[in-house]
Every structure is written in structure tokens, then in C-alpha cells.
Amino acid sequence: MDPAVEDGGDLTIEINDAAKVKERLQKRHQARLEDAERRNASAPPTREQCGISNLSNEFVTKTSEEISKQVVLLTHLTHCKVRLFGSPSTVHLKHIEDCEILCGPVASSVLIDHCTNSTLAFPCQQLRIHNTTNTQVYVHVTSRAIVENCSRVGFAPFTWSYPRLEEDFSLSGLDKDRNNWNLVDDCNWLETGTPSPNWTVITEGERKNNFPKGGIFHL
């Protein structure tokens, strides 16, 4: 037999063997990924997260022991009132409708997405609001708030209080003397010298100053 033919045959065998080995490795890798996904899906939430989701017409309270230094996730809430006593590290709000959410000092950022017809109050370091309409925000923020794809969003100074508020401010590390509640950047409005029509300052006569002390209220 021609040596060239023999060499070609050996090369074909080697290529086929390599393809089979690669296929086995890919299947093994995929099986490991699927197993990891199953374990993650069944694992309990970590201590660093506190979640409230899929509720309607509920009154929810979280204590300082439950949320301090944790990431708080609030999603798919309708006509709920939420009181968060303590200093979480970060707060995420998504798909919030007809709710009143009051929160203690947030050490870093508050991220809001798809919120409508709601009243929110919190001190924080950074505030980002997306896809939100007809919502009032009572805020103490040490940087400039940012809004995007929003309309009829009103801002006023943070006015809620509860017994451990000062202690939680100290825990959060926020500067109480630095509050940029009325400095807002609108990603959809780049004209200089002309105020954005998508957000306003809530006038003193229209501000809500009767938040229940200590979170006592009725739905």
C-alpha cells in the first residue's frame, strides 16, 4: 500500500478520535453546568439579601435586624405599604404600582425601574430611576439623582422619621449635611438652561408631611 494512503488513513482516525473526545468533554461540561443551575435554584437565599415580591394589598415591615447591611429587593408589588427600618446596603425596586415604600438610610444606591403611581422615601448615596411615571420621591441623596424614560416624577426632601433613624444614619455613613434632593439629571433631556419636563420639585404645599411615625397605618 502506498505510504501516503496509510498516512492519510492514520490522520483520519486521529481526527475522528479527537472529535469524539471533544464531544465527550462538551457533554461533561454541559452536565456540570446543568447540575450547578439545579443546585442554585434550590439553594436558600443568602444572608446578604432580603426580598419582598409578588404581593398585593399587603402591609410589610422589615426590622433593622432583617435588612441592615443587606441588599433589599422589592419586586412586583401592587397597592402595598412597606416600611424598612434599618440601613440596607442597596435597595432595588422593580414593577411597583400604587405603593408607599419608606426606607431608612441606604448606604450606597437605590435603583428604581418600572414604578408608577407610588410614594417613595429614603436617604441614599446614589439614586437611579428608570421607566417610572406619576411617582413622588422624598429623598436625601448625597450625589445627583438620575432619571431615564420617566415622566411626572416629583422630588422633595426626605421627611419620614422613626426612633432609630439617627442611629441608622450613622451606620450608613451618609453625610447628613449634604443633600442634593433637587439636583436631578435627566438622560432624556439634554437642553441646557431649560428645565426637564419629566420631573419637578414638589411644592411645599403639596408635600406629604404626615407619614405615620414608626410605620403604624391602615391600608
N, C-alpha and C. Protein backbone atom coordinates (compact mmCIF):
# COMPACT_ATOMS: atom_id res chain seq x y z
N MET A 1 0.86 -1.19 0.00
CA MET A 1 0.00 0.00 0.00
C MET A 1 0.89 1.23 0.00
N ASP A 2 0.40 2.24 -0.71
CA ASP A 2 1.14 3.50 -0.79
C ASP A 2 1.27 4.10 0.60
N PRO A 3 2.49 4.46 1.04
CA PRO A 3 2.68 5.06 2.37
C PRO A 3 1.84 6.32 2.55
N ALA A 4 1.61 7.08 1.45
CA ALA A 4 0.82 8.30 1.56
C ALA A 4 -0.60 7.98 1.96
N VAL A 5 -1.15 6.83 1.41
CA VAL A 5 -2.50 6.44 1.74
C VAL A 5 -2.58 6.03 3.21
N GLU A 6 -1.55 5.27 3.66
CA GLU A 6 -1.52 4.84 5.06
C GLU A 6 -1.49 6.05 5.98
N ASP A 7 -0.64 7.06 5.64
CA ASP A 7 -0.56 8.25 6.48
C ASP A 7 -1.89 8.98 6.52
N GLY A 8 -2.57 9.05 5.36
CA GLY A 8 -3.87 9.72 5.31
C GLY A 8 -4.89 9.00 6.15
N GLY A 9 -4.84 7.66 6.13
CA GLY A 9 -5.79 6.89 6.94
C GLY A 9 -5.55 7.11 8.41
N ASP A 10 -4.29 7.12 8.84
CA ASP A 10 -3.99 7.36 10.26
C ASP A 10 -4.46 8.75 10.69
N LEU A 11 -4.29 9.73 9.78
CA LEU A 11 -4.70 11.09 10.11
C LEU A 11 -6.20 11.18 10.29
N THR A 12 -6.96 10.46 9.45
CA THR A 12 -8.43 10.46 9.55
C THR A 12 -8.87 9.87 10.89
N ILE A 13 -8.20 8.77 11.28
CA ILE A 13 -8.53 8.14 12.56
C ILE A 13 -8.26 9.09 13.72
N GLU A 14 -7.10 9.79 13.65
CA GLU A 14 -6.76 10.73 14.72
C GLU A 14 -7.78 11.86 14.81
N ILE A 15 -8.23 12.39 13.66
CA ILE A 15 -9.21 13.48 13.64
C ILE A 15 -10.53 13.01 14.23
N ASN A 16 -10.95 11.80 13.84
CA ASN A 16 -12.21 11.27 14.37
C ASN A 16 -12.14 11.07 15.87
N ASP A 17 -11.00 10.53 16.35
CA ASP A 17 -10.82 10.33 17.78
C ASP A 17 -10.85 11.66 18.52
N ALA A 18 -10.20 12.67 17.97
CA ALA A 18 -10.18 13.98 18.61
C ALA A 18 -11.58 14.58 18.68
N ALA A 19 -12.37 14.39 17.62
CA ALA A 19 -13.74 14.91 17.61
C ALA A 19 -14.59 14.25 18.68
N LYS A 20 -14.39 12.93 18.86
CA LYS A 20 -15.16 12.21 19.88
C LYS A 20 -14.77 12.67 21.29
N VAL A 21 -13.48 12.87 21.49
CA VAL A 21 -13.03 13.35 22.78
C VAL A 21 -13.61 14.73 23.08
N LYS A 22 -13.60 15.62 22.07
CA LYS A 22 -14.14 16.97 22.25
C LYS A 22 -15.62 16.92 22.57
N GLU A 23 -16.34 16.02 21.88
CA GLU A 23 -17.78 15.89 22.12
C GLU A 23 -18.05 15.41 23.54
N ARG A 24 -17.25 14.44 24.02
CA ARG A 24 -17.43 13.94 25.38
C ARG A 24 -17.17 15.04 26.40
N LEU A 25 -16.13 15.84 26.17
CA LEU A 25 -15.80 16.93 27.08
C LEU A 25 -16.91 17.99 27.11
N GLN A 26 -17.48 18.28 25.94
CA GLN A 26 -18.56 19.25 25.88
C GLN A 26 -19.79 18.76 26.64
N LYS A 27 -20.12 17.48 26.48
CA LYS A 27 -21.27 16.92 27.18
C LYS A 27 -21.05 16.94 28.69
N ARG A 28 -19.80 16.61 29.12
CA ARG A 28 -19.48 16.61 30.53
C ARG A 28 -19.59 18.02 31.11
N HIS A 29 -19.10 19.01 30.34
CA HIS A 29 -19.16 20.41 30.79
C HIS A 29 -20.61 20.87 30.90
N GLN A 30 -21.44 20.51 29.91
CA GLN A 30 -22.84 20.90 29.93
C GLN A 30 -23.57 20.27 31.12
N ALA A 31 -23.25 18.99 31.39
CA ALA A 31 -23.88 18.31 32.53
C ALA A 31 -23.51 19.01 33.84
N ARG A 32 -22.26 19.46 33.96
CA ARG A 32 -21.84 20.16 35.17
C ARG A 32 -22.58 21.49 35.32
N LEU A 33 -22.76 22.22 34.19
CA LEU A 33 -23.49 23.48 34.24
C LEU A 33 -24.93 23.28 34.67
N GLU A 34 -25.59 22.27 34.10
CA GLU A 34 -26.98 21.99 34.45
C GLU A 34 -27.11 21.59 35.92
N ASP A 35 -26.14 20.83 36.41
CA ASP A 35 -26.17 20.43 37.81
C ASP A 35 -25.99 21.65 38.72
N ALA A 36 -25.11 22.56 38.34
CA ALA A 36 -24.89 23.76 39.14
C ALA A 36 -26.14 24.63 39.15
N GLU A 37 -26.84 24.73 38.00
CA GLU A 37 -28.06 25.52 37.94
C GLU A 37 -29.14 24.93 38.84
N ARG A 38 -29.23 23.59 38.87
CA ARG A 38 -30.23 22.96 39.73
C ARG A 38 -29.93 23.24 41.21
N ARG A 39 -28.64 23.19 41.57
CA ARG A 39 -28.27 23.46 42.96
C ARG A 39 -28.56 24.90 43.34
N ASN A 40 -28.27 25.85 42.42
CA ASN A 40 -28.52 27.25 42.70
C ASN A 40 -30.01 27.54 42.83
N ALA A 41 -30.82 26.88 42.00
CA ALA A 41 -32.26 27.11 42.03
C ALA A 41 -32.88 26.64 43.33
N SER A 42 -32.32 25.59 43.92
CA SER A 42 -32.89 25.04 45.15
C SER A 42 -32.25 25.59 46.41
N ALA A 43 -31.19 26.38 46.26
CA ALA A 43 -30.48 26.90 47.42
C ALA A 43 -31.28 28.02 48.08
N PRO A 44 -31.25 28.14 49.40
CA PRO A 44 -31.95 29.24 50.09
C PRO A 44 -31.24 30.55 49.82
N PRO A 45 -31.97 31.69 49.94
CA PRO A 45 -31.33 32.99 49.72
C PRO A 45 -30.21 33.24 50.73
N THR A 46 -29.21 33.99 50.31
CA THR A 46 -28.08 34.28 51.18
C THR A 46 -28.48 35.30 52.22
N ARG A 47 -27.68 35.39 53.30
CA ARG A 47 -27.97 36.34 54.36
C ARG A 47 -27.84 37.76 53.88
N GLU A 48 -27.12 37.95 52.76
CA GLU A 48 -26.88 39.30 52.29
C GLU A 48 -28.04 39.85 51.48
N GLN A 49 -29.11 39.09 51.31
CA GLN A 49 -30.24 39.56 50.53
C GLN A 49 -31.54 39.41 51.30
N CYS A 50 -32.43 40.37 51.09
CA CYS A 50 -33.77 40.32 51.69
C CYS A 50 -34.76 40.67 50.58
N GLY A 51 -35.68 39.78 50.27
CA GLY A 51 -36.58 40.00 49.16
C GLY A 51 -38.04 40.06 49.57
N ILE A 52 -38.80 40.97 48.92
CA ILE A 52 -40.26 41.04 49.06
C ILE A 52 -40.82 41.10 47.65
N SER A 53 -41.66 40.15 47.27
CA SER A 53 -42.13 40.13 45.89
C SER A 53 -43.52 39.52 45.78
N ASN A 54 -44.18 39.86 44.66
CA ASN A 54 -45.47 39.27 44.28
C ASN A 54 -46.52 39.40 45.38
N LEU A 55 -46.74 40.65 45.83
CA LEU A 55 -47.74 40.91 46.85
C LEU A 55 -48.71 41.98 46.38
N SER A 56 -49.93 41.91 46.89
CA SER A 56 -50.95 42.90 46.59
C SER A 56 -51.76 43.19 47.85
N ASN A 57 -52.02 44.48 48.10
CA ASN A 57 -52.82 44.89 49.27
C ASN A 57 -52.25 44.35 50.58
N GLU A 58 -50.94 44.50 50.75
CA GLU A 58 -50.29 44.00 51.96
C GLU A 58 -49.56 45.13 52.69
N PHE A 59 -49.44 44.97 54.00
CA PHE A 59 -48.61 45.84 54.85
C PHE A 59 -47.41 45.02 55.27
N VAL A 60 -46.20 45.47 54.89
CA VAL A 60 -44.98 44.71 55.15
C VAL A 60 -44.00 45.58 55.93
N THR A 61 -43.46 45.02 57.00
CA THR A 61 -42.46 45.70 57.80
C THR A 61 -41.22 44.82 57.93
N LYS A 62 -40.05 45.41 57.73
CA LYS A 62 -38.79 44.72 57.96
C LYS A 62 -38.00 45.48 59.02
N THR A 63 -37.45 44.76 59.98
CA THR A 63 -36.71 45.38 61.07
C THR A 63 -35.24 45.60 60.69
N SER A 64 -34.57 46.34 61.54
CA SER A 64 -33.15 46.60 61.32
C SER A 64 -32.35 45.30 61.30
N GLU A 65 -32.71 44.37 62.15
CA GLU A 65 -32.01 43.08 62.19
C GLU A 65 -32.17 42.31 60.89
N GLU A 66 -33.25 42.53 60.17
CA GLU A 66 -33.51 41.80 58.94
C GLU A 66 -32.84 42.41 57.72
N ILE A 67 -32.64 43.74 57.71
CA ILE A 67 -32.19 44.37 56.47
C ILE A 67 -30.85 45.10 56.56
N SER A 68 -30.37 45.41 57.76
CA SER A 68 -29.15 46.21 57.85
C SER A 68 -27.97 45.53 57.15
N LYS A 69 -27.29 46.31 56.32
CA LYS A 69 -26.11 45.88 55.55
C LYS A 69 -26.45 44.81 54.51
N GLN A 70 -27.71 44.69 54.15
CA GLN A 70 -28.10 43.71 53.15
C GLN A 70 -28.64 44.39 51.89
N VAL A 71 -28.69 43.61 50.81
CA VAL A 71 -29.33 44.05 49.57
C VAL A 71 -30.82 43.75 49.69
N VAL A 72 -31.66 44.76 49.52
CA VAL A 72 -33.10 44.59 49.63
C VAL A 72 -33.71 44.66 48.23
N LEU A 73 -34.48 43.63 47.86
CA LEU A 73 -35.11 43.55 46.55
C LEU A 73 -36.63 43.59 46.72
N LEU A 74 -37.27 44.60 46.13
CA LEU A 74 -38.73 44.71 46.16
C LEU A 74 -39.23 44.63 44.72
N THR A 75 -40.02 43.60 44.41
CA THR A 75 -40.46 43.41 43.03
C THR A 75 -41.92 42.99 42.98
N HIS A 76 -42.61 43.47 41.93
CA HIS A 76 -44.00 43.09 41.65
C HIS A 76 -44.89 43.27 42.88
N LEU A 77 -44.95 44.52 43.34
CA LEU A 77 -45.82 44.89 44.46
C LEU A 77 -46.91 45.82 43.96
N THR A 78 -48.15 45.57 44.37
CA THR A 78 -49.28 46.40 43.95
C THR A 78 -50.11 46.78 45.17
N HIS A 79 -50.35 48.07 45.32
CA HIS A 79 -51.15 48.60 46.43
C HIS A 79 -50.67 48.06 47.77
N CYS A 80 -49.38 48.16 47.99
CA CYS A 80 -48.78 47.71 49.26
C CYS A 80 -48.16 48.91 49.98
N LYS A 81 -48.05 48.77 51.29
CA LYS A 81 -47.31 49.74 52.09
C LYS A 81 -46.17 48.99 52.77
N VAL A 82 -44.97 49.52 52.58
CA VAL A 82 -43.76 48.84 53.06
C VAL A 82 -42.97 49.80 53.94
N ARG A 83 -42.54 49.30 55.10
CA ARG A 83 -41.67 50.06 55.99
C ARG A 83 -40.39 49.26 56.21
N LEU A 84 -39.27 49.86 55.88
CA LEU A 84 -37.97 49.22 56.04
C LEU A 84 -37.17 49.99 57.08
N PHE A 85 -37.11 49.44 58.30
CA PHE A 85 -36.40 50.08 59.40
C PHE A 85 -34.98 49.53 59.45
N GLY A 86 -33.99 50.40 59.29
CA GLY A 86 -32.61 49.92 59.30
C GLY A 86 -31.82 50.57 58.19
N SER A 87 -30.61 50.09 57.98
CA SER A 87 -29.72 50.66 56.96
C SER A 87 -29.23 49.57 56.01
N PRO A 88 -29.99 49.30 54.93
CA PRO A 88 -29.55 48.31 53.95
C PRO A 88 -28.37 48.84 53.14
N SER A 89 -27.64 47.94 52.49
CA SER A 89 -26.52 48.38 51.66
C SER A 89 -27.00 48.93 50.33
N THR A 90 -28.01 48.28 49.74
CA THR A 90 -28.56 48.68 48.45
C THR A 90 -30.04 48.31 48.43
N VAL A 91 -30.83 49.10 47.70
CA VAL A 91 -32.25 48.79 47.54
C VAL A 91 -32.60 48.80 46.06
N HIS A 92 -33.27 47.74 45.60
CA HIS A 92 -33.74 47.63 44.22
C HIS A 92 -35.26 47.56 44.24
N LEU A 93 -35.92 48.42 43.48
CA LEU A 93 -37.37 48.39 43.34
C LEU A 93 -37.71 48.19 41.86
N LYS A 94 -38.55 47.20 41.57
CA LYS A 94 -38.92 46.95 40.18
C LYS A 94 -40.36 46.46 40.09
N HIS A 95 -41.09 47.03 39.14
CA HIS A 95 -42.50 46.71 38.95
C HIS A 95 -43.29 46.98 40.23
N ILE A 96 -43.32 48.27 40.59
CA ILE A 96 -44.04 48.75 41.77
C ILE A 96 -45.21 49.60 41.30
N GLU A 97 -46.40 49.32 41.80
CA GLU A 97 -47.59 50.07 41.37
C GLU A 97 -48.48 50.40 42.58
N ASP A 98 -48.86 51.67 42.68
CA ASP A 98 -49.77 52.13 43.74
C ASP A 98 -49.27 51.73 45.13
N CYS A 99 -48.01 51.98 45.40
CA CYS A 99 -47.42 51.59 46.69
C CYS A 99 -46.87 52.80 47.43
N GLU A 100 -46.70 52.62 48.73
CA GLU A 100 -46.00 53.59 49.56
C GLU A 100 -44.86 52.84 50.25
N ILE A 101 -43.64 53.21 49.92
CA ILE A 101 -42.46 52.50 50.43
C ILE A 101 -41.55 53.49 51.13
N LEU A 102 -41.35 53.29 52.42
CA LEU A 102 -40.49 54.15 53.22
C LEU A 102 -39.32 53.33 53.74
N CYS A 103 -38.12 53.88 53.62
CA CYS A 103 -36.92 53.11 53.97
C CYS A 103 -35.94 53.97 54.74
N GLY A 104 -35.22 53.34 55.66
CA GLY A 104 -34.15 54.01 56.38
C GLY A 104 -32.96 54.28 55.49
N PRO A 105 -31.89 54.88 56.00
CA PRO A 105 -30.74 55.28 55.20
C PRO A 105 -30.07 54.11 54.49
N VAL A 106 -29.91 54.25 53.17
CA VAL A 106 -29.29 53.23 52.33
C VAL A 106 -27.82 53.60 52.12
N ALA A 107 -26.93 52.70 52.47
CA ALA A 107 -25.50 53.02 52.46
C ALA A 107 -24.97 53.36 51.07
N SER A 108 -25.50 52.73 50.03
CA SER A 108 -24.99 53.02 48.68
C SER A 108 -26.13 53.50 47.78
N SER A 109 -26.66 52.63 46.91
CA SER A 109 -27.56 53.10 45.88
C SER A 109 -28.98 52.56 46.00
N VAL A 110 -29.91 53.34 45.47
CA VAL A 110 -31.30 52.91 45.28
C VAL A 110 -31.56 52.90 43.78
N LEU A 111 -32.01 51.75 43.27
CA LEU A 111 -32.28 51.58 41.85
C LEU A 111 -33.77 51.30 41.67
N ILE A 112 -34.45 52.12 40.87
CA ILE A 112 -35.90 52.00 40.67
C ILE A 112 -36.18 51.80 39.19
N ASP A 113 -37.02 50.81 38.88
CA ASP A 113 -37.36 50.53 37.49
C ASP A 113 -38.82 50.11 37.40
N HIS A 114 -39.55 50.73 36.48
CA HIS A 114 -40.97 50.42 36.27
C HIS A 114 -41.79 50.61 37.56
N CYS A 115 -41.87 51.85 37.96
CA CYS A 115 -42.65 52.22 39.14
C CYS A 115 -43.70 53.24 38.70
N THR A 116 -44.93 53.09 39.20
CA THR A 116 -45.99 54.02 38.81
C THR A 116 -46.93 54.29 39.97
N ASN A 117 -47.44 55.52 40.01
CA ASN A 117 -48.46 55.93 40.98
C ASN A 117 -48.06 55.59 42.42
N SER A 118 -46.84 55.89 42.79
CA SER A 118 -46.35 55.47 44.11
C SER A 118 -45.68 56.64 44.85
N THR A 119 -45.50 56.43 46.16
CA THR A 119 -44.77 57.38 47.01
C THR A 119 -43.61 56.63 47.64
N LEU A 120 -42.40 57.19 47.48
CA LEU A 120 -41.19 56.54 47.96
C LEU A 120 -40.42 57.52 48.84
N ALA A 121 -39.75 57.01 49.87
CA ALA A 121 -38.94 57.87 50.73
C ALA A 121 -37.73 57.10 51.23
N PHE A 122 -36.56 57.71 51.09
CA PHE A 122 -35.32 57.08 51.57
C PHE A 122 -34.15 58.05 51.47
N PRO A 123 -33.19 57.96 52.37
CA PRO A 123 -31.89 58.60 52.18
C PRO A 123 -30.96 57.59 51.48
N CYS A 124 -30.05 58.10 50.65
CA CYS A 124 -29.13 57.20 49.96
C CYS A 124 -27.95 57.99 49.42
N GLN A 125 -26.99 57.25 48.91
CA GLN A 125 -25.82 57.88 48.30
C GLN A 125 -26.06 58.17 46.83
N GLN A 126 -26.65 57.21 46.12
CA GLN A 126 -26.93 57.36 44.69
C GLN A 126 -28.38 56.94 44.42
N LEU A 127 -29.00 57.61 43.44
CA LEU A 127 -30.38 57.28 43.08
C LEU A 127 -30.50 57.23 41.56
N ARG A 128 -31.00 56.08 41.06
CA ARG A 128 -31.23 55.91 39.63
C ARG A 128 -32.69 55.49 39.44
N ILE A 129 -33.42 56.21 38.59
CA ILE A 129 -34.83 55.92 38.36
C ILE A 129 -35.06 55.74 36.87
N HIS A 130 -35.65 54.60 36.50
CA HIS A 130 -35.91 54.29 35.09
C HIS A 130 -37.39 53.91 34.89
N ASN A 131 -37.94 54.28 33.75
CA ASN A 131 -39.27 53.83 33.34
C ASN A 131 -40.32 54.02 34.43
N THR A 132 -40.34 55.21 34.99
CA THR A 132 -41.22 55.50 36.12
C THR A 132 -42.11 56.69 35.81
N THR A 133 -43.39 56.60 36.24
CA THR A 133 -44.35 57.68 35.99
C THR A 133 -45.17 57.98 37.23
N ASN A 134 -45.58 59.24 37.33
CA ASN A 134 -46.53 59.68 38.36
C ASN A 134 -46.14 59.17 39.76
N THR A 135 -44.92 59.45 40.15
CA THR A 135 -44.39 58.95 41.43
C THR A 135 -43.72 60.09 42.19
N GLN A 136 -43.94 60.13 43.49
CA GLN A 136 -43.31 61.13 44.34
C GLN A 136 -42.15 60.49 45.11
N VAL A 137 -41.02 61.18 45.12
CA VAL A 137 -39.82 60.66 45.76
C VAL A 137 -39.34 61.66 46.82
N TYR A 138 -39.40 61.24 48.08
CA TYR A 138 -38.90 62.05 49.19
C TYR A 138 -37.52 61.52 49.54
N VAL A 139 -36.49 62.29 49.24
CA VAL A 139 -35.15 61.72 49.24
C VAL A 139 -34.13 62.63 49.89
N HIS A 140 -33.17 62.01 50.56
CA HIS A 140 -31.93 62.65 50.97
C HIS A 140 -30.84 61.92 50.18
N VAL A 141 -30.20 62.59 49.22
CA VAL A 141 -29.22 61.92 48.37
C VAL A 141 -27.95 62.76 48.31
N THR A 142 -26.81 62.11 48.48
CA THR A 142 -25.55 62.84 48.57
C THR A 142 -24.89 63.06 47.21
N SER A 143 -25.41 62.45 46.14
CA SER A 143 -24.93 62.75 44.79
C SER A 143 -26.10 63.31 44.00
N ARG A 144 -26.00 63.36 42.70
CA ARG A 144 -27.11 63.84 41.87
C ARG A 144 -27.95 62.65 41.42
N ALA A 145 -29.25 62.75 41.59
CA ALA A 145 -30.14 61.69 41.11
C ALA A 145 -30.17 61.69 39.59
N ILE A 146 -30.44 60.52 39.02
CA ILE A 146 -30.53 60.36 37.57
C ILE A 146 -31.86 59.71 37.22
N VAL A 147 -32.58 60.29 36.25
CA VAL A 147 -33.82 59.69 35.76
C VAL A 147 -33.67 59.41 34.26
N GLU A 148 -34.36 58.37 33.82
CA GLU A 148 -34.32 58.00 32.40
C GLU A 148 -35.64 57.36 32.02
N ASN A 149 -36.21 57.81 30.90
CA ASN A 149 -37.50 57.32 30.42
C ASN A 149 -38.58 57.47 31.51
N CYS A 150 -38.60 58.62 32.13
CA CYS A 150 -39.55 58.90 33.21
C CYS A 150 -40.44 60.08 32.84
N SER A 151 -41.58 60.18 33.54
CA SER A 151 -42.46 61.33 33.39
C SER A 151 -43.26 61.53 34.66
N ARG A 152 -43.54 62.79 34.97
CA ARG A 152 -44.34 63.16 36.15
C ARG A 152 -43.75 62.56 37.43
N VAL A 153 -42.45 62.71 37.60
CA VAL A 153 -41.78 62.30 38.82
C VAL A 153 -41.49 63.54 39.65
N GLY A 154 -41.95 63.55 40.90
CA GLY A 154 -41.74 64.70 41.78
C GLY A 154 -40.74 64.40 42.87
N PHE A 155 -39.95 65.42 43.24
CA PHE A 155 -38.93 65.25 44.27
C PHE A 155 -39.16 66.24 45.42
N ALA A 156 -38.89 65.76 46.63
CA ALA A 156 -38.98 66.59 47.82
C ALA A 156 -37.99 66.05 48.85
N PRO A 157 -37.65 66.83 49.87
CA PRO A 157 -36.72 66.34 50.89
C PRO A 157 -37.32 65.18 51.69
N PHE A 158 -36.46 64.29 52.14
CA PHE A 158 -36.85 63.15 52.97
C PHE A 158 -37.42 63.66 54.30
N THR A 159 -38.62 63.17 54.66
CA THR A 159 -39.26 63.67 55.89
C THR A 159 -39.70 62.56 56.84
N TRP A 160 -39.59 61.31 56.44
CA TRP A 160 -40.04 60.23 57.33
C TRP A 160 -39.08 60.11 58.52
N SER A 161 -39.60 59.74 59.68
CA SER A 161 -38.74 59.53 60.84
C SER A 161 -39.26 58.35 61.65
N TYR A 162 -38.35 57.73 62.39
CA TYR A 162 -38.69 56.63 63.30
C TYR A 162 -37.63 56.63 64.40
N PRO A 163 -37.85 55.93 65.50
CA PRO A 163 -36.99 56.08 66.68
C PRO A 163 -35.50 55.87 66.44
N ARG A 164 -35.10 54.93 65.58
CA ARG A 164 -33.67 54.64 65.42
C ARG A 164 -33.07 55.29 64.17
N LEU A 165 -33.72 56.30 63.63
CA LEU A 165 -33.25 56.91 62.39
C LEU A 165 -31.84 57.46 62.52
N GLU A 166 -31.55 58.19 63.58
CA GLU A 166 -30.22 58.77 63.74
C GLU A 166 -29.15 57.69 63.82
N GLU A 167 -29.46 56.63 64.53
CA GLU A 167 -28.50 55.52 64.64
C GLU A 167 -28.26 54.87 63.28
N ASP A 168 -29.31 54.74 62.48
CA ASP A 168 -29.17 54.14 61.16
C ASP A 168 -28.42 55.06 60.20
N PHE A 169 -28.58 56.37 60.36
CA PHE A 169 -27.80 57.31 59.56
C PHE A 169 -26.31 57.12 59.85
N SER A 170 -25.97 56.97 61.11
CA SER A 170 -24.56 56.76 61.48
C SER A 170 -24.04 55.46 60.90
N LEU A 171 -24.87 54.42 60.95
CA LEU A 171 -24.48 53.12 60.42
C LEU A 171 -24.26 53.17 58.91
N SER A 172 -25.07 53.95 58.21
CA SER A 172 -24.98 54.02 56.74
C SER A 172 -23.75 54.77 56.27
N GLY A 173 -23.24 55.70 57.08
CA GLY A 173 -22.11 56.51 56.65
C GLY A 173 -22.49 57.68 55.77
N LEU A 174 -23.78 57.95 55.58
CA LEU A 174 -24.21 59.07 54.75
C LEU A 174 -23.94 60.40 55.44
N ASP A 175 -23.65 61.41 54.65
CA ASP A 175 -23.41 62.75 55.17
C ASP A 175 -24.76 63.46 55.30
N LYS A 176 -25.20 63.71 56.52
CA LYS A 176 -26.50 64.35 56.74
C LYS A 176 -26.50 65.81 56.29
N ASP A 177 -25.33 66.41 56.19
CA ASP A 177 -25.24 67.82 55.81
C ASP A 177 -25.17 68.01 54.29
N ARG A 178 -25.17 66.93 53.57
CA ARG A 178 -25.09 67.03 52.10
C ARG A 178 -26.31 66.37 51.48
N ASN A 179 -27.21 67.17 50.99
CA ASN A 179 -28.46 66.66 50.42
C ASN A 179 -28.75 67.35 49.10
N ASN A 180 -28.67 66.61 48.00
CA ASN A 180 -28.90 67.15 46.67
C ASN A 180 -30.27 66.69 46.13
N TRP A 181 -31.27 66.72 47.00
CA TRP A 181 -32.57 66.16 46.63
C TRP A 181 -33.19 66.82 45.39
N ASN A 182 -32.85 68.08 45.12
CA ASN A 182 -33.45 68.79 43.99
C ASN A 182 -32.49 68.95 42.80
N LEU A 183 -31.38 68.20 42.82
CA LEU A 183 -30.45 68.20 41.68
C LEU A 183 -30.59 66.88 40.94
N VAL A 184 -31.25 66.93 39.79
CA VAL A 184 -31.61 65.71 39.06
C VAL A 184 -31.14 65.83 37.62
N ASP A 185 -30.46 64.81 37.13
CA ASP A 185 -30.05 64.74 35.73
C ASP A 185 -31.00 63.83 34.96
N ASP A 186 -31.52 64.34 33.84
CA ASP A 186 -32.45 63.58 33.01
C ASP A 186 -31.74 63.15 31.73
N CYS A 187 -31.59 61.84 31.57
CA CYS A 187 -30.89 61.31 30.39
C CYS A 187 -31.65 61.60 29.09
N ASN A 188 -32.93 61.92 29.19
CA ASN A 188 -33.74 62.20 28.01
C ASN A 188 -33.91 63.69 27.74
N TRP A 189 -33.21 64.51 28.50
CA TRP A 189 -33.35 65.96 28.33
C TRP A 189 -31.97 66.60 28.46
N LEU A 190 -31.38 66.91 27.32
CA LEU A 190 -30.00 67.39 27.30
C LEU A 190 -29.91 68.89 27.04
N GLU A 191 -31.04 69.59 26.94
CA GLU A 191 -31.02 71.03 26.70
C GLU A 191 -30.55 71.77 27.95
N THR A 192 -29.56 72.61 27.77
CA THR A 192 -29.05 73.39 28.91
C THR A 192 -29.87 74.67 29.05
N GLY A 193 -30.10 75.05 30.30
CA GLY A 193 -30.84 76.28 30.53
C GLY A 193 -32.34 76.13 30.54
N THR A 194 -32.84 74.96 30.16
CA THR A 194 -34.29 74.72 30.15
C THR A 194 -34.59 73.52 31.03
N PRO A 195 -35.44 73.67 32.03
CA PRO A 195 -35.74 72.54 32.94
C PRO A 195 -36.38 71.36 32.20
N SER A 196 -36.08 70.16 32.64
CA SER A 196 -36.69 68.97 32.06
C SER A 196 -38.18 68.95 32.40
N PRO A 197 -39.03 68.59 31.44
CA PRO A 197 -40.47 68.47 31.72
C PRO A 197 -40.83 67.14 32.38
N ASN A 198 -39.86 66.27 32.57
CA ASN A 198 -40.14 64.92 33.05
C ASN A 198 -40.12 64.79 34.57
N TRP A 199 -39.57 65.79 35.25
CA TRP A 199 -39.55 65.77 36.71
C TRP A 199 -39.75 67.18 37.25
N THR A 200 -40.25 67.26 38.48
CA THR A 200 -40.50 68.56 39.10
C THR A 200 -40.14 68.51 40.58
N VAL A 201 -40.02 69.67 41.17
CA VAL A 201 -39.90 69.80 42.63
C VAL A 201 -41.31 69.91 43.18
N ILE A 202 -41.64 69.06 44.14
CA ILE A 202 -42.96 69.12 44.76
C ILE A 202 -43.02 70.38 45.63
N THR A 203 -44.01 71.21 45.40
CA THR A 203 -44.13 72.44 46.17
C THR A 203 -44.42 72.12 47.64
N GLU A 204 -44.04 73.03 48.52
CA GLU A 204 -44.21 72.79 49.96
C GLU A 204 -45.67 72.52 50.31
N GLY A 205 -46.59 73.19 49.66
CA GLY A 205 -48.00 72.98 49.95
C GLY A 205 -48.52 71.63 49.52
N GLU A 206 -47.82 70.97 48.60
CA GLU A 206 -48.26 69.67 48.08
C GLU A 206 -47.49 68.50 48.69
N ARG A 207 -46.50 68.78 49.52
CA ARG A 207 -45.69 67.70 50.07
C ARG A 207 -46.43 66.96 51.17
N LYS A 208 -46.14 65.68 51.26
CA LYS A 208 -46.74 64.85 52.29
C LYS A 208 -45.88 64.93 53.54
N ASN A 209 -46.46 65.45 54.60
CA ASN A 209 -45.71 65.61 55.85
C ASN A 209 -46.30 64.80 56.99
N ASN A 210 -47.19 63.89 56.66
CA ASN A 210 -47.87 63.13 57.72
C ASN A 210 -47.60 61.64 57.61
N PHE A 211 -46.35 61.27 57.24
CA PHE A 211 -46.01 59.85 57.27
C PHE A 211 -46.16 59.35 58.69
N PRO A 212 -46.84 58.23 58.91
CA PRO A 212 -47.03 57.73 60.27
C PRO A 212 -45.70 57.43 60.96
N LYS A 213 -45.57 57.90 62.19
CA LYS A 213 -44.35 57.63 62.95
C LYS A 213 -44.28 56.15 63.31
N GLY A 214 -43.14 55.55 63.09
CA GLY A 214 -42.95 54.16 63.46
C GLY A 214 -43.67 53.18 62.57
N GLY A 215 -44.25 53.66 61.47
CA GLY A 215 -44.85 52.75 60.50
C GLY A 215 -46.25 52.27 60.86
N ILE A 216 -46.97 52.94 61.78
CA ILE A 216 -48.32 52.49 62.13
C ILE A 216 -49.30 53.15 61.16
N PHE A 217 -50.06 52.35 60.45
CA PHE A 217 -51.01 52.88 59.49
C PHE A 217 -52.00 51.80 59.11
N HIS A 218 -53.00 52.19 58.37
CA HIS A 218 -54.02 51.24 57.90
C HIS A 218 -54.06 51.28 56.39
N LEU A 219 -54.21 50.10 55.76
CA LEU A 219 -54.34 50.06 54.32
C LEU A 219 -55.69 50.64 53.91
